[in-house]
Amino acid sequence: MLDELDVLRRSLDELYRSLADRQQALDDLLSRERAAVREQAAIAAVAGARVLVDRIAIDGDSGQRLRIRRRRVGAPVERRLGQWVGVTRCETTAADVRDMWARLIDTETNRPDDRLCGQPSTVLEIPDAVAALDQDGTLRVTMEEGPQPEAADAIAIPRCTYALPSRKLRNFGHWLVDCVPQVDVLTSVDPAATILVAPFQKPFQSWALTLARAAGRVVEWDGRPMAARRVVLFESDGRTGGGRPLSALTALRQRLLRQDAAAGPAAAARGDRRLYVTRRDARNRRKWVSNEEAIEQVFARRG
C-alpha cells in the first residue's frame, strides 16, 4: 500500500511540474502576443504611418494598418571589437609581418570601451499594397482594399533600395557589407519574393547578390508604383549608432561558413597569388595609411 502511495505521489509531482512548465510557456506566449498587439496598434494609430526609419511612409486607414506585421530576424550582437578583429588571421611566418599584425591586434583589443553592438533586423510584412518611390526618395507604401489586378504575389525591398546614397551603392565595400546582408534577411523571410533593387551601377552588384541566395529573383527598379499581394520591407538593420548591420552580417557570414564546411576541402582550395590592396588613389579625399610606402615594402619583400 505504501509503495502504491509513493508511486502516486511521484506521478502527482511530475504532473504538477508539467503543468507549471505549460503555464510558463502560456505566459510567455501571451506576453509576446501582447507586445505584438501593442506594436500593431502603434503602427495603426499614426495617420500616414512612419515607422522605425524616416524614409518609409505607409498610407492606409487604421483598420488596414492593423494588418501590418513586424518581424525581428536574427540575433542581437554584443562583443568586444578585438574578438571581431580576431576572426582575421595572420597566415605568414615572416617575423616582421607577424610583429606588425600583433601590434595592430593589441591596439584594438586593449580598448575596453570599444564594443560592437547590434539588434536584430526588423522586417515589415504589408498585405495588398502598392510600393513606389516619391521624388524625395521616400518609400511610400499605399495599402489597398484587397488584392489589385496584375498584382505580384510578393515583392521584397531592401533598405538600400530607398535609403542609401548612389555613391555608396557603387562602392564595393558598402554593397557587400551593407546591402547583401539585407537581401539575405529578406530571402530568409520569403524565399520566393521578387527583390526590388536600385538600378545596378557596377558589375559586381549582381554577382554579390548570389551570396544572398537571390539569383534569378532580382529586378532593377526605377521606383514606379508596383502592386503586390504582400510587400516584405526591410525596415531597420538594428545597428546602434554608426557601424555595420551586425546581426544580419553575422548571420550571413555564419551561413557562408557552413556552406564552405559542407562543400569539403576541395571547394576551399587556395589560390597562389598574394595581393596588397592600396588606397593611394583615395588620398585626395582621405588619408588611409600614414606610412603606406613602408608597409608596401614589407609586403613587396614577401612577394
C-alpha atoms as a PDB file:
ATOM      1  CA  MET A   1       0.000   0.000   0.000  1.00  0.00           C
ATOM      2  CA  LEU A   2       2.874   2.386   0.882  1.00  0.00           C
ATOM      3  CA  ASP A   3       4.614   1.612  -2.423  1.00  0.00           C
ATOM      4  CA  GLU A   4       1.442   2.439  -4.341  1.00  0.00           C
ATOM      5  CA  LEU A   5       1.089   5.750  -2.471  1.00  0.00           C
ATOM      6  CA  ASP A   6       4.719   6.582  -3.231  1.00  0.00           C
ATOM      7  CA  VAL A   7       4.196   5.900  -6.941  1.00  0.00           C
ATOM      8  CA  LEU A   8       1.047   8.042  -6.901  1.00  0.00           C
ATOM      9  CA  ARG A   9       2.892  10.853  -5.114  1.00  0.00           C
ATOM     10  CA  ARG A  10       5.698  10.839  -7.702  1.00  0.00           C
ATOM     11  CA  SER A  11       3.147  10.850 -10.516  1.00  0.00           C
ATOM     12  CA  LEU A  12       1.394  13.856  -8.985  1.00  0.00           C
ATOM     13  CA  ASP A  13       4.738  15.685  -8.638  1.00  0.00           C
ATOM     14  CA  GLU A  14       5.515  15.087 -12.314  1.00  0.00           C
ATOM     15  CA  LEU A  15       2.031  16.284 -13.258  1.00  0.00           C
ATOM     16  CA  TYR A  16       2.483  19.484 -11.213  1.00  0.00           C
ATOM     17  CA  ARG A  17       5.881  20.145 -12.872  1.00  0.00           C
ATOM     18  CA  SER A  18       4.387  19.577 -16.305  1.00  0.00           C
ATOM     19  CA  LEU A  19       1.508  21.938 -15.543  1.00  0.00           C
ATOM     20  CA  ALA A  20       3.946  24.572 -14.268  1.00  0.00           C
ATOM     21  CA  ASP A  21       6.018  24.293 -17.476  1.00  0.00           C
ATOM     22  CA  ARG A  22       2.914  24.602 -19.624  1.00  0.00           C
ATOM     23  CA  GLN A  23       1.743  27.606 -17.605  1.00  0.00           C
ATOM     24  CA  GLN A  24       5.118  29.293 -18.083  1.00  0.00           C
ATOM     25  CA  ALA A  25       5.018  28.601 -21.824  1.00  0.00           C
ATOM     26  CA  LEU A  26       1.490  30.036 -21.981  1.00  0.00           C
ATOM     27  CA  ASP A  27       2.544  33.148 -20.039  1.00  0.00           C
ATOM     28  CA  ASP A  28       5.499  33.661 -22.414  1.00  0.00           C
ATOM     29  CA  LEU A  29       3.205  33.267 -25.443  1.00  0.00           C
ATOM     30  CA  LEU A  30       0.702  35.767 -24.042  1.00  0.00           C
ATOM     31  CA  SER A  31       3.492  38.232 -23.314  1.00  0.00           C
ATOM     32  CA  ARG A  32       4.760  38.006 -26.897  1.00  0.00           C
ATOM     33  CA  GLU A  33       1.242  38.376 -28.297  1.00  0.00           C
ATOM     34  CA  ARG A  34       0.555  41.426 -26.117  1.00  0.00           C
ATOM     35  CA  ALA A  35       3.792  43.036 -27.359  1.00  0.00           C
ATOM     36  CA  ALA A  36       2.834  42.271 -30.986  1.00  0.00           C
ATOM     37  CA  VAL A  37      -0.640  43.769 -30.488  1.00  0.00           C
ATOM     38  CA  ARG A  38       0.827  46.918 -28.896  1.00  0.00           C
ATOM     39  CA  GLU A  39       3.240  47.237 -31.807  1.00  0.00           C
ATOM     40  CA  GLN A  40       0.468  46.817 -34.374  1.00  0.00           C
ATOM     41  CA  ALA A  41      -1.663  49.369 -32.548  1.00  0.00           C
ATOM     42  CA  ALA A  42       1.225  51.847 -32.541  1.00  0.00           C
ATOM     43  CA  ILE A  43       1.646  51.496 -36.309  1.00  0.00           C
ATOM     44  CA  ALA A  44      -2.103  51.687 -36.935  1.00  0.00           C
ATOM     45  CA  ALA A  45      -2.641  54.744 -34.769  1.00  0.00           C
ATOM     46  CA  VAL A  46      -0.457  57.040 -36.880  1.00  0.00           C
ATOM     47  CA  ALA A  47      -2.024  58.534 -39.986  1.00  0.00           C
ATOM     48  CA  GLY A  48       0.420  58.177 -42.871  1.00  0.00           C
ATOM     49  CA  ALA A  49       2.383  55.941 -40.528  1.00  0.00           C
ATOM     50  CA  ARG A  50       6.121  56.437 -40.381  1.00  0.00           C
ATOM     51  CA  VAL A  51       7.896  53.594 -38.732  1.00  0.00           C
ATOM     52  CA  LEU A  52      11.406  52.955 -37.342  1.00  0.00           C
ATOM     53  CA  VAL A  53      13.111  54.887 -40.138  1.00  0.00           C
ATOM     54  CA  ASP A  54      12.033  58.217 -41.595  1.00  0.00           C
ATOM     55  CA  ARG A  55      12.391  57.159 -45.226  1.00  0.00           C
ATOM     56  CA  ILE A  56       9.253  54.956 -45.128  1.00  0.00           C
ATOM     57  CA  ALA A  57       5.673  56.251 -45.265  1.00  0.00           C
ATOM     58  CA  ILE A  58       2.655  53.923 -45.064  1.00  0.00           C
ATOM     59  CA  ASP A  59      -0.722  55.167 -46.272  1.00  0.00           C
ATOM     60  CA  GLY A  60      -3.937  53.420 -45.222  1.00  0.00           C
ATOM     61  CA  ASP A  61      -6.669  53.669 -42.643  1.00  0.00           C
ATOM     62  CA  SER A  62      -6.274  52.264 -39.137  1.00  0.00           C
ATOM     63  CA  GLY A  63      -8.088  49.052 -39.998  1.00  0.00           C
ATOM     64  CA  GLN A  64      -5.740  48.397 -42.910  1.00  0.00           C
ATOM     65  CA  ARG A  65      -2.598  49.203 -40.920  1.00  0.00           C
ATOM     66  CA  LEU A  66      -3.644  46.741 -38.207  1.00  0.00           C
ATOM     67  CA  ARG A  67      -2.828  44.022 -40.753  1.00  0.00           C
ATOM     68  CA  ILE A  68       0.843  45.025 -40.855  1.00  0.00           C
ATOM     69  CA  ARG A  69       3.238  42.630 -39.116  1.00  0.00           C
ATOM     70  CA  ARG A  70       6.711  43.489 -37.865  1.00  0.00           C
ATOM     71  CA  ARG A  71       9.157  40.583 -37.689  1.00  0.00           C
ATOM     72  CA  ARG A  72      12.522  40.545 -35.946  1.00  0.00           C
ATOM     73  CA  VAL A  73      15.074  38.485 -37.811  1.00  0.00           C
ATOM     74  CA  GLY A  74      18.432  37.362 -36.438  1.00  0.00           C
ATOM     75  CA  ALA A  75      20.008  37.575 -33.015  1.00  0.00           C
ATOM     76  CA  PRO A  76      21.396  40.553 -31.065  1.00  0.00           C
ATOM     77  CA  VAL A  77      25.168  41.024 -31.202  1.00  0.00           C
ATOM     78  CA  GLU A  78      27.393  42.381 -28.455  1.00  0.00           C
ATOM     79  CA  ARG A  79      31.104  41.676 -28.398  1.00  0.00           C
ATOM     80  CA  ARG A  80      34.487  43.286 -27.972  1.00  0.00           C
ATOM     81  CA  LEU A  81      35.920  44.767 -31.141  1.00  0.00           C
ATOM     82  CA  GLY A  82      39.056  42.708 -30.551  1.00  0.00           C
ATOM     83  CA  GLN A  83      37.037  39.496 -30.758  1.00  0.00           C
ATOM     84  CA  TRP A  84      35.636  40.593 -34.108  1.00  0.00           C
ATOM     85  CA  VAL A  85      39.035  41.637 -35.478  1.00  0.00           C
ATOM     86  CA  GLY A  86      40.470  38.361 -34.220  1.00  0.00           C
ATOM     87  CA  VAL A  87      38.447  36.466 -36.803  1.00  0.00           C
ATOM     88  CA  THR A  88      41.086  37.537 -39.334  1.00  0.00           C
ATOM     89  CA  ARG A  89      44.303  35.524 -39.038  1.00  0.00           C
ATOM     90  CA  CYS A  90      47.891  36.287 -39.936  1.00  0.00           C
ATOM     91  CA  GLU A  91      48.978  33.288 -42.025  1.00  0.00           C
ATOM     92  CA  THR A  92      52.575  34.264 -42.792  1.00  0.00           C
ATOM     93  CA  THR A  93      55.627  33.036 -40.878  1.00  0.00           C
ATOM     94  CA  ALA A  94      57.534  36.253 -41.638  1.00  0.00           C
ATOM     95  CA  ALA A  95      58.573  37.784 -38.300  1.00  0.00           C
ATOM     96  CA  ASP A  96      58.226  41.434 -39.351  1.00  0.00           C
ATOM     97  CA  VAL A  97      54.723  40.942 -40.745  1.00  0.00           C
ATOM     98  CA  ARG A  98      53.609  38.969 -37.705  1.00  0.00           C
ATOM     99  CA  ASP A  99      55.014  41.664 -35.417  1.00  0.00           C
ATOM    100  CA  MET A 100      53.128  44.379 -37.315  1.00  0.00           C
ATOM    101  CA  TRP A 101      49.926  42.322 -37.150  1.00  0.00           C
ATOM    102  CA  ALA A 102      50.348  41.594 -33.418  1.00  0.00           C
ATOM    103  CA  ARG A 103      50.723  45.326 -32.695  1.00  0.00           C
ATOM    104  CA  LEU A 104      47.576  46.075 -34.675  1.00  0.00           C
ATOM    105  CA  ILE A 105      45.530  43.456 -32.818  1.00  0.00           C
ATOM    106  CA  ASP A 106      46.960  44.603 -29.469  1.00  0.00           C
ATOM    107  CA  THR A 107      45.899  48.171 -30.211  1.00  0.00           C
ATOM    108  CA  GLU A 108      42.349  47.080 -30.969  1.00  0.00           C
ATOM    109  CA  THR A 109      41.888  44.597 -28.121  1.00  0.00           C
ATOM    110  CA  ASN A 110      43.103  46.992 -25.430  1.00  0.00           C
ATOM    111  CA  ARG A 111      40.238  49.439 -25.918  1.00  0.00           C
ATOM    112  CA  PRO A 112      37.720  48.194 -23.330  1.00  0.00           C
ATOM    113  CA  ASP A 113      35.077  50.774 -24.244  1.00  0.00           C
ATOM    114  CA  ASP A 114      35.078  49.774 -27.905  1.00  0.00           C
ATOM    115  CA  ARG A 115      32.211  47.318 -28.219  1.00  0.00           C
ATOM    116  CA  LEU A 116      30.297  46.119 -31.230  1.00  0.00           C
ATOM    117  CA  CYS A 117      26.545  46.147 -30.565  1.00  0.00           C
ATOM    118  CA  GLY A 118      23.615  45.473 -32.847  1.00  0.00           C
ATOM    119  CA  GLN A 119      19.979  44.458 -32.554  1.00  0.00           C
ATOM    120  CA  PRO A 120      18.067  42.024 -34.805  1.00  0.00           C
ATOM    121  CA  SER A 121      16.869  43.348 -38.144  1.00  0.00           C
ATOM    122  CA  THR A 122      13.203  44.298 -38.445  1.00  0.00           C
ATOM    123  CA  VAL A 123      11.058  43.482 -41.472  1.00  0.00           C
ATOM    124  CA  LEU A 124       7.536  44.756 -42.185  1.00  0.00           C
ATOM    125  CA  GLU A 125       5.037  42.452 -43.905  1.00  0.00           C
ATOM    126  CA  ILE A 126       2.326  44.547 -45.552  1.00  0.00           C
ATOM    127  CA  PRO A 127      -0.586  42.849 -47.354  1.00  0.00           C
ATOM    128  CA  ASP A 128      -2.273  44.191 -50.507  1.00  0.00           C
ATOM    129  CA  ALA A 129      -0.217  47.303 -51.136  1.00  0.00           C
ATOM    130  CA  VAL A 130       1.407  49.431 -53.825  1.00  0.00           C
ATOM    131  CA  ALA A 131       5.052  50.456 -53.340  1.00  0.00           C
ATOM    132  CA  ALA A 132       6.601  53.500 -55.038  1.00  0.00           C
ATOM    133  CA  LEU A 133       9.438  55.961 -54.532  1.00  0.00           C
ATOM    134  CA  ASP A 134       8.490  59.605 -54.023  1.00  0.00           C
ATOM    135  CA  GLN A 135      10.535  62.353 -55.664  1.00  0.00           C
ATOM    136  CA  ASP A 136      12.346  63.000 -52.381  1.00  0.00           C
ATOM    137  CA  GLY A 137      13.360  59.332 -52.158  1.00  0.00           C
ATOM    138  CA  THR A 138      10.786  58.314 -49.528  1.00  0.00           C
ATOM    139  CA  LEU A 139       9.465  54.789 -49.983  1.00  0.00           C
ATOM    140  CA  ARG A 140       5.679  55.151 -49.978  1.00  0.00           C
ATOM    141  CA  VAL A 141       3.561  52.055 -49.401  1.00  0.00           C
ATOM    142  CA  THR A 142      -0.155  52.538 -50.026  1.00  0.00           C
ATOM    143  CA  MET A 143      -2.446  49.856 -48.655  1.00  0.00           C
ATOM    144  CA  GLU A 144      -5.390  48.859 -50.852  1.00  0.00           C
ATOM    145  CA  GLU A 145      -8.759  47.216 -50.231  1.00  0.00           C
ATOM    146  CA  GLY A 146      -7.918  43.670 -51.276  1.00  0.00           C
ATOM    147  CA  PRO A 147      -5.567  42.397 -53.991  1.00  0.00           C
ATOM    148  CA  GLN A 148      -5.161  44.568 -57.088  1.00  0.00           C
ATOM    149  CA  PRO A 149      -5.419  43.253 -60.653  1.00  0.00           C
ATOM    150  CA  GLU A 150      -1.981  42.467 -62.069  1.00  0.00           C
ATOM    151  CA  ALA A 151      -0.530  42.463 -58.551  1.00  0.00           C
ATOM    152  CA  ALA A 152       2.611  40.416 -57.987  1.00  0.00           C
ATOM    153  CA  ASP A 153       2.438  37.652 -55.419  1.00  0.00           C
ATOM    154  CA  ALA A 154       5.204  39.078 -53.225  1.00  0.00           C
ATOM    155  CA  ILE A 155       7.886  41.760 -53.556  1.00  0.00           C
ATOM    156  CA  ALA A 156      10.752  42.361 -51.145  1.00  0.00           C
ATOM    157  CA  ILE A 157      12.506  45.724 -50.846  1.00  0.00           C
ATOM    158  CA  PRO A 158      15.850  46.050 -49.031  1.00  0.00           C
ATOM    159  CA  ARG A 159      16.584  49.292 -47.265  1.00  0.00           C
ATOM    160  CA  CYS A 160      19.490  50.073 -49.594  1.00  0.00           C
ATOM    161  CA  THR A 161      16.959  50.426 -52.438  1.00  0.00           C
ATOM    162  CA  TYR A 162      15.409  53.515 -50.866  1.00  0.00           C
ATOM    163  CA  ALA A 163      17.799  54.821 -48.204  1.00  0.00           C
ATOM    164  CA  LEU A 164      21.389  54.552 -49.472  1.00  0.00           C
ATOM    165  CA  PRO A 165      23.110  57.303 -51.489  1.00  0.00           C
ATOM    166  CA  SER A 166      24.094  56.471 -55.055  1.00  0.00           C
ATOM    167  CA  ARG A 167      27.808  56.869 -54.293  1.00  0.00           C
ATOM    168  CA  LYS A 168      27.570  54.116 -51.664  1.00  0.00           C
ATOM    169  CA  LEU A 169      25.614  51.789 -53.933  1.00  0.00           C
ATOM    170  CA  ARG A 170      28.530  51.715 -56.367  1.00  0.00           C
ATOM    171  CA  ASN A 171      31.096  51.173 -53.611  1.00  0.00           C
ATOM    172  CA  PHE A 172      32.128  47.518 -53.312  1.00  0.00           C
ATOM    173  CA  GLY A 173      32.574  47.597 -49.542  1.00  0.00           C
ATOM    174  CA  HIS A 174      29.215  49.216 -48.816  1.00  0.00           C
ATOM    175  CA  TRP A 175      27.420  46.919 -51.248  1.00  0.00           C
ATOM    176  CA  LEU A 176      28.952  43.775 -49.762  1.00  0.00           C
ATOM    177  CA  VAL A 177      28.659  44.725 -46.082  1.00  0.00           C
ATOM    178  CA  ASP A 178      25.509  46.868 -46.012  1.00  0.00           C
ATOM    179  CA  CYS A 179      23.333  45.728 -48.920  1.00  0.00           C
ATOM    180  CA  VAL A 180      23.902  41.991 -49.414  1.00  0.00           C
ATOM    181  CA  PRO A 181      23.006  41.110 -45.774  1.00  0.00           C
ATOM    182  CA  GLN A 182      19.704  42.980 -46.139  1.00  0.00           C
ATOM    183  CA  VAL A 183      18.793  40.914 -49.198  1.00  0.00           C
ATOM    184  CA  ASP A 184      19.787  37.750 -47.319  1.00  0.00           C
ATOM    185  CA  VAL A 185      17.409  38.665 -44.469  1.00  0.00           C
ATOM    186  CA  LEU A 186      14.545  39.211 -46.920  1.00  0.00           C
ATOM    187  CA  THR A 187      15.312  35.899 -48.628  1.00  0.00           C
ATOM    188  CA  SER A 188      15.065  34.112 -45.279  1.00  0.00           C
ATOM    189  CA  VAL A 189      11.633  35.711 -44.670  1.00  0.00           C
ATOM    190  CA  ASP A 190      10.223  34.975 -48.150  1.00  0.00           C
ATOM    191  CA  PRO A 191      12.410  32.780 -50.402  1.00  0.00           C
ATOM    192  CA  ALA A 192      10.055  33.253 -53.374  1.00  0.00           C
ATOM    193  CA  ALA A 193       9.604  37.052 -53.331  1.00  0.00           C
ATOM    194  CA  THR A 194      10.826  39.244 -56.189  1.00  0.00           C
ATOM    195  CA  ILE A 195      13.534  41.532 -54.817  1.00  0.00           C
ATOM    196  CA  LEU A 196      13.485  45.162 -55.979  1.00  0.00           C
ATOM    197  CA  VAL A 197      16.862  46.911 -56.065  1.00  0.00           C
ATOM    198  CA  ALA A 198      18.062  50.268 -57.356  1.00  0.00           C
ATOM    199  CA  PRO A 199      19.423  50.062 -60.941  1.00  0.00           C
ATOM    200  CA  PHE A 200      22.880  48.466 -60.941  1.00  0.00           C
ATOM    201  CA  GLN A 201      25.834  50.793 -61.428  1.00  0.00           C
ATOM    202  CA  LYS A 202      28.663  48.252 -61.220  1.00  0.00           C
ATOM    203  CA  PRO A 203      29.067  44.644 -62.482  1.00  0.00           C
ATOM    204  CA  PHE A 204      29.921  43.321 -59.008  1.00  0.00           C
ATOM    205  CA  GLN A 205      26.491  44.242 -57.636  1.00  0.00           C
ATOM    206  CA  SER A 206      24.637  41.471 -59.457  1.00  0.00           C
ATOM    207  CA  TRP A 207      27.350  38.914 -58.668  1.00  0.00           C
ATOM    208  CA  ALA A 208      27.444  39.737 -54.962  1.00  0.00           C
ATOM    209  CA  LEU A 209      23.708  39.136 -54.582  1.00  0.00           C
ATOM    210  CA  THR A 210      24.272  35.446 -55.357  1.00  0.00           C
ATOM    211  CA  LEU A 211      25.729  35.267 -51.822  1.00  0.00           C
ATOM    212  CA  ALA A 212      22.247  36.168 -50.566  1.00  0.00           C
ATOM    213  CA  ARG A 213      20.547  33.303 -52.460  1.00  0.00           C
ATOM    214  CA  ALA A 214      18.808  35.867 -54.677  1.00  0.00           C
ATOM    215  CA  ALA A 215      19.840  34.641 -58.131  1.00  0.00           C
ATOM    216  CA  GLY A 216      17.019  34.920 -60.669  1.00  0.00           C
ATOM    217  CA  ARG A 217      14.705  36.930 -58.413  1.00  0.00           C
ATOM    218  CA  VAL A 218      16.297  40.374 -58.517  1.00  0.00           C
ATOM    219  CA  VAL A 219      14.644  43.162 -60.527  1.00  0.00           C
ATOM    220  CA  GLU A 220      16.203  46.583 -61.105  1.00  0.00           C
ATOM    221  CA  TRP A 221      13.520  49.044 -60.042  1.00  0.00           C
ATOM    222  CA  ASP A 222      13.167  52.685 -61.037  1.00  0.00           C
ATOM    223  CA  GLY A 223      10.663  53.450 -58.268  1.00  0.00           C
ATOM    224  CA  ARG A 224       7.481  53.338 -60.339  1.00  0.00           C
ATOM    225  CA  PRO A 225       4.379  52.038 -58.491  1.00  0.00           C
ATOM    226  CA  MET A 226       4.312  48.263 -58.135  1.00  0.00           C
ATOM    227  CA  ALA A 227       1.377  46.368 -56.591  1.00  0.00           C
ATOM    228  CA  ALA A 228       1.751  43.147 -54.653  1.00  0.00           C
ATOM    229  CA  ARG A 229      -0.370  40.889 -52.508  1.00  0.00           C
ATOM    230  CA  ARG A 230       2.466  41.014 -49.998  1.00  0.00           C
ATOM    231  CA  VAL A 231       5.191  43.645 -49.586  1.00  0.00           C
ATOM    232  CA  VAL A 232       8.137  42.447 -47.489  1.00  0.00           C
ATOM    233  CA  LEU A 233      10.009  45.559 -46.470  1.00  0.00           C
ATOM    234  CA  PHE A 234      13.418  45.709 -44.793  1.00  0.00           C
ATOM    235  CA  GLU A 235      12.851  48.358 -42.140  1.00  0.00           C
ATOM    236  CA  SER A 236      15.877  48.547 -39.835  1.00  0.00           C
ATOM    237  CA  ASP A 237      19.207  46.708 -39.659  1.00  0.00           C
ATOM    238  CA  GLY A 238      19.398  47.168 -35.883  1.00  0.00           C
ATOM    239  CA  ARG A 239      22.709  48.970 -35.851  1.00  0.00           C
ATOM    240  CA  THR A 240      23.397  51.036 -32.738  1.00  0.00           C
ATOM    241  CA  GLY A 241      24.691  54.444 -33.778  1.00  0.00           C
ATOM    242  CA  GLY A 242      27.194  54.052 -36.623  1.00  0.00           C
ATOM    243  CA  GLY A 243      28.994  50.893 -37.589  1.00  0.00           C
ATOM    244  CA  ARG A 244      27.629  47.968 -39.566  1.00  0.00           C
ATOM    245  CA  PRO A 245      24.424  45.864 -39.643  1.00  0.00           C
ATOM    246  CA  LEU A 246      25.970  43.350 -37.251  1.00  0.00           C
ATOM    247  CA  SER A 247      23.074  40.952 -36.744  1.00  0.00           C
ATOM    248  CA  ALA A 248      22.380  40.478 -40.467  1.00  0.00           C
ATOM    249  CA  LEU A 249      26.086  40.491 -41.351  1.00  0.00           C
ATOM    250  CA  THR A 250      26.925  37.880 -38.706  1.00  0.00           C
ATOM    251  CA  ALA A 251      24.083  35.607 -39.841  1.00  0.00           C
ATOM    252  CA  LEU A 252      25.231  35.836 -43.478  1.00  0.00           C
ATOM    253  CA  ARG A 253      28.826  35.096 -42.542  1.00  0.00           C
ATOM    254  CA  GLN A 254      27.868  32.067 -40.441  1.00  0.00           C
ATOM    255  CA  ARG A 255      25.737  30.653 -43.246  1.00  0.00           C
ATOM    256  CA  LEU A 256      28.538  31.053 -45.802  1.00  0.00           C
ATOM    257  CA  LEU A 257      30.988  29.370 -43.432  1.00  0.00           C
ATOM    258  CA  ARG A 258      28.591  26.439 -43.001  1.00  0.00           C
ATOM    259  CA  GLN A 259      28.281  26.165 -46.785  1.00  0.00           C
ATOM    260  CA  ASP A 260      32.073  26.093 -47.182  1.00  0.00           C
ATOM    261  CA  ALA A 261      32.400  23.429 -44.495  1.00  0.00           C
ATOM    262  CA  ALA A 262      29.710  21.293 -46.122  1.00  0.00           C
ATOM    263  CA  ALA A 263      31.355  21.633 -49.550  1.00  0.00           C
ATOM    264  CA  GLY A 264      34.517  19.950 -48.281  1.00  0.00           C
ATOM    265  CA  PRO A 265      38.226  20.765 -48.672  1.00  0.00           C
ATOM    266  CA  ALA A 266      38.204  20.656 -52.495  1.00  0.00           C
ATOM    267  CA  ALA A 267      35.908  23.695 -52.633  1.00  0.00           C
ATOM    268  CA  ALA A 268      38.199  25.642 -50.306  1.00  0.00           C
ATOM    269  CA  ALA A 269      41.369  25.212 -52.390  1.00  0.00           C
ATOM    270  CA  ARG A 270      43.564  28.281 -52.069  1.00  0.00           C
ATOM    271  CA  GLY A 271      44.993  30.386 -54.853  1.00  0.00           C
ATOM    272  CA  ASP A 272      48.695  31.105 -55.093  1.00  0.00           C
ATOM    273  CA  ARG A 273      48.623  34.891 -55.612  1.00  0.00           C
ATOM    274  CA  ARG A 274      49.465  37.365 -52.869  1.00  0.00           C
ATOM    275  CA  LEU A 275      47.644  40.683 -53.069  1.00  0.00           C
ATOM    276  CA  TYR A 276      48.040  44.016 -51.335  1.00  0.00           C
ATOM    277  CA  VAL A 277      45.156  46.454 -51.797  1.00  0.00           C
ATOM    278  CA  THR A 278      46.279  50.072 -51.808  1.00  0.00           C
ATOM    279  CA  ARG A 279      44.196  53.174 -51.182  1.00  0.00           C
ATOM    280  CA  ARG A 280      46.667  55.531 -52.862  1.00  0.00           C
ATOM    281  CA  ASP A 281      44.076  56.715 -55.350  1.00  0.00           C
ATOM    282  CA  ALA A 282      41.829  57.873 -52.491  1.00  0.00           C
ATOM    283  CA  ARG A 283      44.357  60.140 -50.795  1.00  0.00           C
ATOM    284  CA  ASN A 284      42.883  63.317 -52.205  1.00  0.00           C
ATOM    285  CA  ARG A 285      39.752  62.555 -50.226  1.00  0.00           C
ATOM    286  CA  ARG A 286      41.027  60.712 -47.159  1.00  0.00           C
ATOM    287  CA  LYS A 287      44.356  59.727 -45.649  1.00  0.00           C
ATOM    288  CA  TRP A 288      44.017  55.982 -45.120  1.00  0.00           C
ATOM    289  CA  VAL A 289      47.564  54.978 -44.102  1.00  0.00           C
ATOM    290  CA  SER A 290      50.253  57.397 -42.938  1.00  0.00           C
ATOM    291  CA  ASN A 291      53.239  55.101 -43.718  1.00  0.00           C
ATOM    292  CA  GLU A 292      51.943  53.231 -46.745  1.00  0.00           C
ATOM    293  CA  GLU A 293      55.332  53.167 -48.509  1.00  0.00           C
ATOM    294  CA  ALA A 294      56.936  51.343 -45.575  1.00  0.00           C
ATOM    295  CA  ILE A 295      54.047  48.868 -45.435  1.00  0.00           C
ATOM    296  CA  GLU A 296      54.263  48.234 -49.169  1.00  0.00           C
ATOM    297  CA  GLN A 297      57.970  47.467 -48.809  1.00  0.00           C
ATOM    298  CA  VAL A 298      57.205  44.852 -46.132  1.00  0.00           C
ATOM    299  CA  PHE A 299      54.746  43.043 -48.384  1.00  0.00           C
ATOM    300  CA  ALA A 300      56.855  43.506 -51.530  1.00  0.00           C
ATOM    301  CA  ARG A 301      59.715  41.624 -49.831  1.00  0.00           C
ATOM    302  CA  ARG A 302      57.279  38.749 -49.302  1.00  0.00           C
ATOM    303  CA  GLY A 303      56.140  38.575 -52.890  1.00  0.00           C
END
